[in-house]
Amino acid sequence: MADNKKEQEREELHRAIWAIADELRGAVDGWDFKNYVLGSMFYRYISENLTNYINRGEREAGNLNFDYAKMSDVDAEEARVGLVEEKGFFILPSELFTNVRAKASLDPNLNETLEKVFRHIEESAKGSQSEGSFAGLFDDFDVNSNKLGSTVAKRNERLAKLLDGIAVMRLGSVDEHDIDAFGDAYEYLMTMYASNAGKSGGEFFTPADVLELLTRLGTVGKKKVNKVYDPACGSGSLLLKAVKILGKDAVEIGFFGQEINITTYNLCRINMFLHDIGFDKFDVECEDTLINPQHWDDEPFELIVSNPPYSIKWAGDDNPLLINDPRFAPAGVLAPKSKADMAFIMHSLSWLAPNGVAAIVCFPGIMYRGGAEQKIRKYLVDNNYVDCVIQLPSNLFFGTPIATCIMVMKKGKADNKVLFIDATNECIKVTNNNKLTQNNIQRIMDAFIKREDIEYFCHLASYDEVAEQNYNLSVSSYVEAEDTREKVDIVKLNAEIKEIVAREQVLRDEIDKIIAEIEGGQEG
């Protein structure tokens, strides 16, 4: 019953988000517009989160009617230093979402008010431990953009409507501290925009079913992990999936990620906060992972999950330092300049803990192409790092119809074999995309855990088999596809043709007879 109620609340929330999207559509392109919705949602969330934190403390101390939102700025100022230390940020009562929203429709300078509030929130963290988590967080919320309207009055009218829309969203009662809804609203928004924005939005968005499969592959038999890492973390959904699957406190030390796109990097940090991950539990950096990795002091990681960009260009052997980089040197060769895929694989392997698992979505070409990529595959197989390769159905991702695959790597394998799973048919069609159901995911997981041959589905290949195939790791080289074409019985078919020809002759004779009769009648 509770699940049913939750489902209803979720649908209601999704409808509310659509309503805001409709209200502001026209003016703002969907992909840009999500920055405004997410920025406002984040502003509301941290306002309520802080208010709730302060109120709870006061009420526990016996001050039952206390409400931070009604306090004067001067009195609140005294608590600033302590709150920044505990929560990572500070907001004056007059600048809380609820108070700004209450005056929004009457504020002729609403755009300036919001800009000032956002600046104050970011500045509150300056010089503290949380500075990196808050710096530039509101950069993509441009209150003066012409996309919001051609005049200040039009922009402010839209901004007021936006705040109203966010305010009436049912995002869980503050007293229940149920922030699930904030995180869920975020995921829904991203899915909605990625599916509508095609390539532009979809390129760094991994659908929920693939996120779940990757995380389950990486956490088999584990109740907790020390750290989760994603070298190309996009908006952070993969990092957070471990919380959904293992539970709130299952990630003991924290979440680590790197993202090269600044807008996406901002989204990722917002996503962390909306999922109630404290500033001291995540470290997300904005830099090029392959050239300038930011987490040397935090590696190795017990769980690495990633969907890195496919076949992007990188410096490769144009940069003389990279071949001596401890992440790439062991293979003796660098990934090709036009295809960085194997560099992400080598980077992940290098930072993987001895008891860890890395599950990475890959472009299929890296499994069979020759040259440097083949040499890297040889290194991976010879050293027994490849645990499993799974061929996924096509069209699972927004913006690309290709059939991707997953490589699972481990450093402490119990055998020296590679499991190949052909999951090309494990999906259902939903609108324009394919989707993995719970049953599909379970079937893949069962095969992954058992490591036994199943005809037309999976094969456990010995080291020698893979070496004989010149280190080709394509699933189709090891798992025979089932021939679903109808078998034809030639003898039976010939007999049927003979019968049809004979029947045809009888019909011809009858038609000739009728024609003769008609003609005979006409002559008469």
Protein backbone atom coordinates (compact mmCIF):
# COMPACT_ATOMS: atom_id res chain seq x y z
CA MET A 1 0.00 0.00 0.00
CA ALA A 2 2.82 2.37 0.96
CA ASP A 3 4.45 1.67 -2.40
CA ASN A 4 1.23 2.57 -4.14
CA LYS A 5 1.03 5.88 -2.28
CA LYS A 6 4.67 6.59 -3.13
CA GLU A 7 3.96 5.84 -6.80
CA GLN A 8 0.99 8.25 -6.77
CA GLU A 9 3.08 10.97 -5.16
CA ARG A 10 5.80 10.39 -7.73
CA GLU A 11 3.33 10.73 -10.61
CA GLU A 12 1.93 13.89 -9.06
CA LEU A 13 5.45 15.30 -8.79
CA HIS A 14 6.18 14.46 -12.43
CA ARG A 15 2.95 16.18 -13.51
CA ALA A 16 3.94 19.27 -11.52
CA ILE A 17 7.32 19.36 -13.26
CA TRP A 18 5.63 19.05 -16.66
CA ALA A 19 3.30 21.90 -15.75
CA ILE A 20 6.25 24.20 -15.03
CA ALA A 21 7.92 23.06 -18.24
CA ASP A 22 4.75 23.90 -20.19
CA GLU A 23 4.41 27.26 -18.46
CA LEU A 24 7.89 28.31 -19.46
CA ARG A 25 8.31 26.35 -22.67
CA GLY A 26 8.26 28.56 -25.79
CA ALA A 27 10.74 30.97 -24.27
CA VAL A 28 13.42 28.60 -23.07
CA ASP A 29 14.75 25.58 -24.90
CA GLY A 30 14.25 22.42 -22.82
CA TRP A 31 17.91 21.70 -22.25
CA ASP A 32 18.65 25.26 -21.05
CA PHE A 33 15.41 25.41 -19.16
CA LYS A 34 16.30 22.50 -16.92
CA ASN A 35 19.05 24.68 -15.44
CA TYR A 36 16.37 27.06 -14.15
CA VAL A 37 14.15 24.31 -12.77
CA LEU A 38 17.04 22.45 -11.14
CA GLY A 39 18.58 25.67 -9.83
CA SER A 40 15.27 26.68 -8.22
CA MET A 41 14.72 23.18 -6.84
CA PHE A 42 18.21 23.24 -5.37
CA TYR A 43 17.61 26.70 -3.86
CA ARG A 44 14.38 25.46 -2.27
CA TYR A 45 16.07 22.28 -1.05
CA ILE A 46 19.03 23.90 0.70
CA SER A 47 16.73 26.57 2.20
CA GLU A 48 14.47 23.90 3.69
CA ASN A 49 17.38 21.69 4.63
CA LEU A 50 19.04 24.48 6.63
CA THR A 51 15.79 25.71 8.21
CA ASN A 52 14.89 22.17 9.20
CA TYR A 53 18.33 21.57 10.70
CA ILE A 54 18.21 24.76 12.82
CA ASN A 55 14.56 24.27 13.86
CA ARG A 56 15.19 20.70 14.94
CA GLY A 57 18.10 21.79 17.14
CA GLU A 58 16.04 24.57 18.75
CA ARG A 59 12.99 22.38 19.31
CA GLU A 60 15.07 19.65 20.88
CA ALA A 61 16.39 22.33 23.23
CA GLY A 62 12.79 23.09 24.27
CA ASN A 63 12.10 26.09 22.02
CA LEU A 64 9.00 24.44 20.50
CA ASN A 65 7.62 27.34 18.42
CA PHE A 66 10.95 28.40 16.95
CA ASP A 67 11.04 29.03 13.19
CA TYR A 68 14.29 30.13 11.54
CA ALA A 69 12.38 31.55 8.56
CA LYS A 70 10.76 34.15 10.88
CA MET A 71 14.02 35.18 12.58
CA SER A 72 15.66 38.56 11.90
CA ASP A 73 18.79 38.60 9.75
CA VAL A 74 20.74 40.36 12.51
CA ASP A 75 19.99 37.65 15.08
CA ALA A 76 20.63 34.85 12.57
CA GLU A 77 24.03 36.27 11.66
CA GLU A 78 25.44 35.08 15.00
CA ALA A 79 25.04 31.44 13.96
CA ARG A 80 26.79 31.86 10.59
CA VAL A 81 30.25 30.49 11.48
CA GLY A 82 28.95 27.40 13.28
CA LEU A 83 26.47 26.57 10.52
CA VAL A 84 29.05 26.86 7.74
CA GLU A 85 31.22 24.42 9.67
CA GLU A 86 28.36 21.93 10.14
CA LYS A 87 26.33 22.32 6.94
CA GLY A 88 28.89 23.84 4.57
CA PHE A 89 26.81 26.94 3.77
CA PHE A 90 24.64 29.68 5.31
CA ILE A 91 21.47 31.52 4.20
CA LEU A 92 20.01 34.56 5.95
CA PRO A 93 16.29 34.18 6.86
CA SER A 94 15.29 36.98 4.44
CA GLU A 95 17.07 35.13 1.64
CA LEU A 96 15.43 31.73 2.20
CA PHE A 97 13.41 30.36 -0.72
CA THR A 98 10.09 30.66 1.11
CA ASN A 99 10.64 34.36 1.98
CA VAL A 100 11.93 35.40 -1.45
CA ARG A 101 9.07 33.54 -3.14
CA ALA A 102 6.45 35.21 -0.89
CA LYS A 103 7.47 38.64 -2.22
CA ALA A 104 8.45 37.54 -5.74
CA SER A 105 5.41 38.75 -7.69
CA LEU A 106 5.68 42.22 -6.09
CA ASP A 107 9.47 42.53 -6.44
CA PRO A 108 10.30 44.70 -9.50
CA ASN A 109 13.95 43.66 -9.10
CA LEU A 110 13.38 39.94 -8.62
CA ASN A 111 16.18 39.06 -11.06
CA GLU A 112 18.66 41.13 -9.02
CA THR A 113 17.32 39.74 -5.73
CA LEU A 114 17.88 36.16 -6.91
CA GLU A 115 21.31 36.95 -8.30
CA LYS A 116 22.32 38.49 -4.94
CA VAL A 117 20.93 35.54 -2.93
CA PHE A 118 22.77 32.99 -5.09
CA ARG A 119 25.99 34.98 -4.78
CA HIS A 120 25.59 35.13 -0.98
CA ILE A 121 25.04 31.36 -0.74
CA GLU A 122 28.20 30.64 -2.75
CA GLU A 123 30.19 33.26 -0.80
CA SER A 124 29.08 31.78 2.54
CA ALA A 125 31.22 28.69 1.84
CA LYS A 126 34.34 30.69 0.80
CA GLY A 127 37.41 29.90 2.83
CA SER A 128 35.75 26.88 4.45
CA GLN A 129 36.08 23.14 3.80
CA SER A 130 32.97 23.18 1.63
CA GLU A 131 34.14 25.95 -0.74
CA GLY A 132 34.81 23.50 -3.60
CA SER A 133 31.34 22.02 -3.31
CA PHE A 134 29.57 25.39 -3.65
CA ALA A 135 31.78 27.56 -5.90
CA GLY A 136 29.99 28.47 -9.15
CA LEU A 137 26.99 26.26 -8.39
CA PHE A 138 24.48 28.79 -9.71
CA ASP A 139 26.52 29.80 -12.77
CA ASP A 140 24.00 28.29 -15.19
CA PHE A 141 21.04 30.10 -13.63
CA ASP A 142 21.22 33.30 -15.69
CA VAL A 143 18.54 35.63 -14.28
CA ASN A 144 19.20 38.23 -17.00
CA SER A 145 19.02 35.91 -19.99
CA ASN A 146 16.94 37.04 -22.96
CA LYS A 147 15.70 33.45 -23.10
CA LEU A 148 13.56 34.24 -20.05
CA GLY A 149 12.01 37.28 -21.74
CA SER A 150 12.95 40.35 -23.74
CA THR A 151 12.38 42.83 -20.89
CA VAL A 152 13.17 42.79 -17.17
CA ALA A 153 9.44 42.78 -16.40
CA LYS A 154 8.84 39.71 -18.59
CA ARG A 155 11.85 37.93 -17.12
CA ASN A 156 10.70 38.63 -13.57
CA GLU A 157 7.19 37.44 -14.34
CA ARG A 158 8.62 34.14 -15.56
CA LEU A 159 10.97 33.85 -12.59
CA ALA A 160 8.08 34.43 -10.16
CA LYS A 161 6.04 31.73 -11.91
CA LEU A 162 9.03 29.41 -11.72
CA LEU A 163 9.39 29.94 -7.95
CA ASP A 164 5.63 29.40 -7.50
CA GLY A 165 5.76 26.18 -9.50
CA ILE A 166 8.70 24.84 -7.47
CA ALA A 167 7.05 25.94 -4.21
CA VAL A 168 3.88 23.91 -4.76
CA MET A 169 5.75 20.73 -5.72
CA ARG A 170 5.17 18.10 -3.09
CA LEU A 171 8.75 17.20 -2.31
CA GLY A 172 8.13 15.40 0.96
CA SER A 173 7.31 16.91 4.34
CA VAL A 174 10.27 18.67 5.91
CA ASP A 175 9.53 16.92 9.20
CA GLU A 176 9.92 13.50 7.62
CA HIS A 177 13.26 14.53 6.11
CA ASP A 178 12.18 12.51 3.09
CA ILE A 179 14.40 13.99 0.43
CA ASP A 180 13.87 11.05 -1.87
CA ALA A 181 11.43 13.20 -3.79
CA PHE A 182 14.04 15.88 -4.56
CA GLY A 183 16.40 13.29 -5.97
CA ASP A 184 13.59 11.64 -7.86
CA ALA A 185 12.42 14.92 -9.35
CA TYR A 186 16.00 15.54 -10.51
CA GLU A 187 16.22 12.12 -12.21
CA TYR A 188 12.84 12.64 -13.88
CA LEU A 189 13.78 16.07 -15.19
CA MET A 190 17.03 14.77 -16.63
CA THR A 191 15.30 11.84 -18.31
CA MET A 192 12.57 14.07 -19.70
CA TYR A 193 15.03 16.54 -21.19
CA ALA A 194 17.51 13.95 -22.40
CA SER A 195 14.80 12.10 -24.32
CA ASN A 196 13.54 15.36 -25.87
CA ALA A 197 16.92 16.96 -26.45
CA GLY A 198 18.34 13.96 -28.29
CA LYS A 199 22.10 14.16 -28.71
CA SER A 200 22.73 17.45 -26.93
CA GLY A 201 21.20 16.28 -23.69
CA GLY A 202 21.54 12.56 -24.03
CA GLU A 203 25.26 12.38 -24.51
CA PHE A 204 26.04 12.43 -20.82
CA PHE A 205 22.89 10.83 -19.58
CA THR A 206 22.74 7.13 -18.69
CA PRO A 207 19.21 5.69 -18.30
CA ALA A 208 18.20 4.28 -14.91
CA ASP A 209 18.06 0.63 -16.07
CA VAL A 210 21.68 0.69 -17.28
CA LEU A 211 22.76 2.48 -14.08
CA GLU A 212 21.18 -0.28 -12.04
CA LEU A 213 22.79 -3.09 -14.04
CA LEU A 214 26.28 -1.52 -13.79
CA THR A 215 25.98 -0.95 -10.05
CA ARG A 216 24.63 -4.44 -9.37
CA LEU A 217 27.48 -5.96 -11.40
CA GLY A 218 29.93 -3.98 -9.27
CA THR A 219 28.45 -4.85 -5.88
CA VAL A 220 27.70 -8.60 -6.05
CA GLY A 221 27.94 -10.11 -2.57
CA LYS A 222 28.67 -6.74 -0.93
CA LYS A 223 26.61 -4.97 1.72
CA LYS A 224 28.86 -1.90 1.67
CA VAL A 225 31.77 -0.33 -0.23
CA ASN A 226 34.35 2.18 0.96
CA LYS A 227 34.33 4.55 -2.05
CA VAL A 228 32.55 4.89 -5.38
CA TYR A 229 34.34 6.52 -8.32
CA ASP A 230 33.30 7.56 -11.82
CA PRO A 231 36.05 9.02 -14.07
CA ALA A 232 33.46 10.58 -16.43
CA CYS A 233 30.68 11.22 -13.97
CA GLY A 234 28.32 13.44 -15.98
CA SER A 235 25.51 14.58 -13.72
CA GLY A 236 26.41 12.02 -11.08
CA SER A 237 23.56 9.53 -11.34
CA LEU A 238 25.87 6.51 -11.55
CA LEU A 239 27.74 7.56 -8.42
CA LEU A 240 24.46 7.76 -6.52
CA LYS A 241 23.04 4.45 -7.70
CA ALA A 242 25.03 2.59 -5.02
CA VAL A 243 22.93 4.38 -2.38
CA LYS A 244 19.72 3.23 -4.08
CA ILE A 245 20.93 -0.37 -4.35
CA LEU A 246 22.92 -0.88 -1.14
CA GLY A 247 21.28 1.68 1.16
CA LYS A 248 21.97 5.12 2.63
CA ASP A 249 25.10 4.43 4.68
CA ALA A 250 26.53 1.66 2.51
CA VAL A 251 29.11 3.97 0.91
CA GLU A 252 31.36 4.51 3.91
CA ILE A 253 33.91 7.11 2.84
CA GLY A 254 32.23 8.81 -0.07
CA PHE A 255 31.65 9.59 -3.73
CA PHE A 256 34.40 10.68 -6.11
CA GLY A 257 34.01 11.82 -9.70
CA GLN A 258 35.50 13.92 -12.46
CA GLU A 259 33.66 15.71 -15.25
CA ILE A 260 35.10 17.85 -18.04
CA ASN A 261 31.90 19.79 -18.95
CA ILE A 262 31.35 22.69 -16.52
CA THR A 263 27.53 22.76 -16.83
CA THR A 264 27.30 19.04 -16.20
CA TYR A 265 29.78 19.35 -13.34
CA ASN A 266 27.49 21.92 -11.69
CA LEU A 267 24.51 19.58 -12.19
CA CYS A 268 26.47 16.76 -10.58
CA ARG A 269 27.18 18.75 -7.42
CA ILE A 270 23.53 19.86 -7.23
CA ASN A 271 22.50 16.21 -7.68
CA MET A 272 24.69 15.21 -4.71
CA PHE A 273 23.02 17.77 -2.46
CA LEU A 274 19.52 16.85 -3.66
CA HIS A 275 20.26 13.24 -2.67
CA ASP A 276 21.26 14.43 0.81
CA ILE A 277 24.98 13.71 0.37
CA GLY A 278 26.86 16.12 2.68
CA PHE A 279 29.64 18.31 1.28
CA ASP A 280 32.20 16.23 3.21
CA LYS A 281 31.02 12.96 1.60
CA PHE A 282 31.68 13.85 -2.05
CA ASP A 283 34.54 15.20 -4.11
CA VAL A 284 33.64 16.00 -7.70
CA GLU A 285 36.18 17.87 -9.82
CA CYS A 286 35.98 19.65 -13.19
CA GLU A 287 39.02 18.68 -15.27
CA ASP A 288 40.12 16.34 -18.09
CA THR A 289 40.42 12.93 -16.38
CA LEU A 290 42.82 11.44 -18.93
CA ILE A 291 45.33 14.31 -18.92
CA ASN A 292 44.78 15.79 -15.47
CA PRO A 293 43.22 13.32 -13.03
CA GLN A 294 42.27 14.93 -9.72
CA HIS A 295 42.04 12.02 -7.31
CA TRP A 296 45.60 10.66 -6.91
CA ASP A 297 45.26 11.04 -3.15
CA ASP A 298 41.94 9.17 -2.98
CA GLU A 299 42.60 6.11 -5.15
CA PRO A 300 42.24 3.13 -5.12
CA PHE A 301 38.46 2.71 -5.27
CA GLU A 302 36.44 -0.36 -4.39
CA LEU A 303 33.64 0.40 -6.85
CA ILE A 304 34.22 2.08 -10.22
CA VAL A 305 31.21 2.55 -12.47
CA SER A 306 31.25 4.62 -15.63
CA ASN A 307 29.75 5.35 -19.03
CA PRO A 308 32.63 7.35 -20.56
CA PRO A 309 32.25 9.20 -23.88
CA TYR A 310 32.65 6.93 -26.93
CA SER A 311 35.56 7.33 -29.32
CA ILE A 312 36.57 10.87 -28.42
CA LYS A 313 39.91 12.35 -29.45
CA TRP A 314 42.69 12.74 -26.89
CA ALA A 315 46.39 13.71 -26.87
CA GLY A 316 47.64 10.10 -26.92
CA ASP A 317 51.25 9.82 -28.13
CA ASP A 318 51.34 13.53 -29.06
CA ASN A 319 51.95 14.02 -25.35
CA PRO A 320 55.35 12.43 -24.54
CA LEU A 321 54.55 12.27 -20.81
CA LEU A 322 51.55 9.97 -21.14
CA ILE A 323 53.42 6.76 -22.02
CA ASN A 324 55.24 7.04 -18.68
CA ASP A 325 52.05 7.83 -16.75
CA PRO A 326 51.59 4.97 -14.22
CA ARG A 327 47.98 4.56 -15.41
CA PHE A 328 48.89 3.87 -19.05
CA ALA A 329 52.52 2.63 -18.95
CA PRO A 330 51.79 -1.01 -17.97
CA ALA A 331 50.16 -1.80 -21.36
CA GLY A 332 53.23 -0.50 -23.19
CA VAL A 333 51.07 1.41 -25.67
CA LEU A 334 48.57 4.29 -25.57
CA ALA A 335 45.00 4.28 -26.85
CA PRO A 336 44.80 5.75 -30.39
CA LYS A 337 44.56 9.56 -30.60
CA SER A 338 41.18 9.37 -32.35
CA LYS A 339 39.69 6.88 -29.87
CA ALA A 340 40.29 7.46 -26.15
CA ASP A 341 38.05 4.56 -25.02
CA MET A 342 40.88 2.27 -23.92
CA ALA A 343 42.51 5.14 -22.00
CA PHE A 344 39.41 5.30 -19.78
CA ILE A 345 39.63 1.52 -19.29
CA MET A 346 43.33 1.69 -18.32
CA HIS A 347 42.74 4.68 -16.03
CA SER A 348 39.90 2.84 -14.24
CA LEU A 349 41.92 -0.36 -13.89
CA SER A 350 44.87 1.56 -12.46
CA TRP A 351 42.70 3.12 -9.74
CA LEU A 352 40.79 -0.06 -8.89
CA ALA A 353 41.29 -1.54 -5.40
CA PRO A 354 42.56 -5.16 -5.10
CA ASN A 355 39.11 -6.22 -3.81
CA GLY A 356 37.25 -3.93 -6.17
CA VAL A 357 35.12 -4.19 -9.30
CA ALA A 358 34.98 -1.82 -12.29
CA ALA A 359 31.93 -1.95 -14.58
CA ILE A 360 32.34 0.25 -17.67
CA VAL A 361 30.03 0.84 -20.65
CA CYS A 362 32.10 0.53 -23.84
CA PHE A 363 31.82 1.27 -27.53
CA PRO A 364 31.80 -2.18 -29.24
CA GLY A 365 34.69 -1.37 -31.61
CA ILE A 366 37.27 -1.49 -28.81
CA MET A 367 36.54 -5.20 -28.35
CA TYR A 368 37.71 -6.28 -31.83
CA ARG A 369 39.76 -3.56 -33.55
CA GLY A 370 43.46 -4.22 -34.21
CA GLY A 371 46.50 -2.03 -33.53
CA ALA A 372 47.05 -0.39 -30.15
CA GLU A 373 43.62 -1.43 -28.90
CA GLN A 374 44.42 -5.09 -29.52
CA LYS A 375 47.71 -4.73 -27.62
CA ILE A 376 45.85 -3.20 -24.65
CA ARG A 377 43.32 -6.08 -24.73
CA LYS A 378 46.22 -8.55 -24.72
CA TYR A 379 47.65 -6.82 -21.64
CA LEU A 380 44.25 -6.96 -19.88
CA VAL A 381 43.68 -10.65 -20.69
CA ASP A 382 47.27 -11.81 -20.06
CA ASN A 383 47.10 -10.24 -16.59
CA ASN A 384 43.65 -11.71 -15.91
CA TYR A 385 41.83 -8.43 -15.32
CA VAL A 386 38.82 -9.05 -17.61
CA ASP A 387 36.05 -10.77 -15.67
CA CYS A 388 33.11 -10.47 -18.05
CA VAL A 389 31.96 -8.81 -21.29
CA ILE A 390 28.22 -8.24 -21.79
CA GLN A 391 26.73 -7.30 -25.15
CA LEU A 392 23.73 -4.99 -24.54
CA PRO A 393 20.69 -4.38 -26.79
CA SER A 394 20.83 -1.50 -29.26
CA ASN A 395 19.02 1.78 -28.67
CA LEU A 396 19.22 1.81 -24.86
CA PHE A 397 20.71 5.31 -24.75
CA PHE A 398 19.20 8.65 -25.75
CA GLY A 399 20.71 10.09 -28.88
CA THR A 400 22.54 6.97 -30.13
CA PRO A 401 21.08 3.74 -31.57
CA ILE A 402 24.33 1.73 -31.20
CA ALA A 403 24.45 -1.49 -29.22
CA THR A 404 27.00 -0.91 -26.46
CA CYS A 405 28.66 -3.46 -24.20
CA ILE A 406 29.90 -3.60 -20.62
CA MET A 407 33.36 -4.65 -19.53
CA VAL A 408 33.66 -5.85 -15.94
CA MET A 409 37.21 -5.84 -14.52
CA LYS A 410 38.62 -7.29 -11.29
CA LYS A 411 42.12 -7.53 -9.88
CA GLY A 412 41.54 -10.55 -7.65
CA LYS A 413 39.78 -13.08 -9.89
CA ALA A 414 39.16 -16.65 -8.68
CA ASP A 415 39.70 -18.15 -12.17
CA ASN A 416 41.53 -17.10 -15.33
CA LYS A 417 38.49 -17.26 -17.60
CA VAL A 418 36.35 -14.58 -19.25
CA LEU A 419 32.56 -14.79 -19.21
CA PHE A 420 30.75 -13.58 -22.35
CA ILE A 421 27.02 -12.77 -22.11
CA ASP A 422 24.87 -12.00 -25.15
CA ALA A 423 22.06 -9.81 -23.79
CA THR A 424 21.09 -8.31 -27.15
CA ASN A 425 17.50 -9.55 -26.79
CA GLU A 426 17.13 -8.78 -23.08
CA CYS A 427 14.88 -5.72 -23.43
CA ILE A 428 11.44 -4.37 -24.18
CA LYS A 429 10.60 -1.52 -26.54
CA VAL A 430 9.31 1.67 -24.92
CA THR A 431 8.42 4.46 -27.38
CA ASN A 432 11.61 5.00 -29.42
CA ASN A 433 14.04 3.32 -27.06
CA ASN A 434 14.72 -0.14 -25.72
CA LYS A 435 14.67 -0.67 -21.98
CA LEU A 436 15.98 -3.36 -19.62
CA THR A 437 13.23 -4.68 -17.34
CA GLN A 438 13.87 -6.07 -13.84
CA ASN A 439 13.59 -9.57 -15.36
CA ASN A 440 16.19 -8.73 -18.02
CA ILE A 441 18.58 -7.36 -15.39
CA GLN A 442 18.00 -10.42 -13.19
CA ARG A 443 18.71 -12.85 -16.03
CA ILE A 444 22.01 -11.08 -16.79
CA MET A 445 22.92 -11.02 -13.08
CA ASP A 446 22.13 -14.73 -12.62
CA ALA A 447 24.42 -15.64 -15.52
CA PHE A 448 27.12 -13.25 -14.23
CA ILE A 449 27.09 -14.84 -10.77
CA LYS A 450 26.90 -18.51 -11.89
CA ARG A 451 29.60 -18.28 -14.60
CA GLU A 452 28.31 -21.33 -16.49
CA ASP A 453 27.56 -21.87 -20.18
CA ILE A 454 23.98 -21.35 -21.38
CA GLU A 455 23.39 -22.09 -25.07
CA TYR A 456 22.86 -18.94 -27.18
CA PHE A 457 23.21 -16.75 -24.05
CA CYS A 458 26.58 -17.02 -22.33
CA HIS A 459 29.93 -18.79 -22.52
CA LEU A 460 32.82 -19.03 -20.06
CA ALA A 461 35.94 -18.87 -22.23
CA SER A 462 39.34 -20.14 -21.13
CA TYR A 463 42.44 -17.99 -21.45
CA ASP A 464 43.60 -20.16 -24.39
CA GLU A 465 40.33 -19.64 -26.27
CA VAL A 466 40.67 -15.86 -26.02
CA ALA A 467 44.35 -15.98 -27.01
CA GLU A 468 43.46 -18.16 -30.03
CA GLN A 469 40.97 -15.49 -31.10
CA ASN A 470 43.85 -12.95 -31.07
CA TYR A 471 42.41 -11.34 -27.94
CA ASN A 472 39.15 -10.43 -29.64
CA LEU A 473 36.64 -9.75 -26.84
CA SER A 474 33.46 -9.44 -28.93
CA VAL A 475 30.65 -11.48 -27.44
CA SER A 476 29.54 -12.71 -30.88
CA SER A 477 32.89 -14.50 -31.28
CA TYR A 478 32.12 -16.73 -28.28
CA VAL A 479 28.32 -16.99 -28.03
CA GLU A 480 26.50 -18.42 -31.04
CA ALA A 481 23.32 -16.55 -31.89
CA GLU A 482 20.21 -18.68 -32.04
CA ASP A 483 18.84 -19.13 -35.56
CA THR A 484 15.21 -18.15 -35.16
CA ARG A 485 14.38 -18.54 -38.85
CA GLU A 486 11.76 -21.16 -39.63
CA LYS A 487 13.21 -24.51 -40.71
CA VAL A 488 11.99 -25.47 -44.21
CA ASP A 489 11.14 -29.09 -45.13
CA ILE A 490 11.99 -29.25 -48.86
CA VAL A 491 10.18 -32.56 -49.55
CA LYS A 492 7.01 -31.27 -47.90
CA LEU A 493 7.30 -27.96 -49.72
CA ASN A 494 7.66 -29.71 -53.13
CA ALA A 495 4.58 -31.82 -52.42
CA GLU A 496 2.61 -28.67 -51.50
CA ILE A 497 3.72 -26.94 -54.72
CA LYS A 498 2.69 -30.00 -56.76
CA GLU A 499 -0.74 -29.92 -55.13
CA ILE A 500 -1.16 -26.19 -55.81
CA VAL A 501 -0.21 -26.67 -59.47
CA ALA A 502 -2.74 -29.55 -59.82
CA ARG A 503 -5.49 -27.45 -58.14
CA GLU A 504 -4.63 -24.55 -60.40
CA GLN A 505 -5.11 -26.82 -63.46
CA VAL A 506 -8.57 -27.93 -62.23
CA LEU A 507 -9.59 -24.29 -61.75
CA ARG A 508 -8.32 -23.41 -65.24
CA ASP A 509 -10.35 -26.22 -66.79
CA GLU A 510 -13.48 -25.06 -64.92
CA ILE A 511 -12.99 -21.43 -65.99
CA ASP A 512 -12.51 -22.57 -69.61
CA LYS A 513 -15.78 -24.52 -69.35
CA ILE A 514 -17.69 -21.49 -67.99
CA ILE A 515 -16.26 -19.24 -70.71
CA ALA A 516 -17.23 -21.80 -73.39
CA GLU A 517 -20.78 -21.90 -71.98
CA ILE A 518 -21.08 -18.12 -71.92
CA GLU A 519 -19.77 -17.82 -75.45
CA GLY A 520 -22.06 -20.62 -76.62
CA GLY A 521 -25.05 -18.87 -75.01
CA GLN A 522 -24.18 -15.57 -76.70
CA GLU A 523 -23.97 -17.24 -80.10
CA GLY A 524 -27.43 -18.71 -79.52
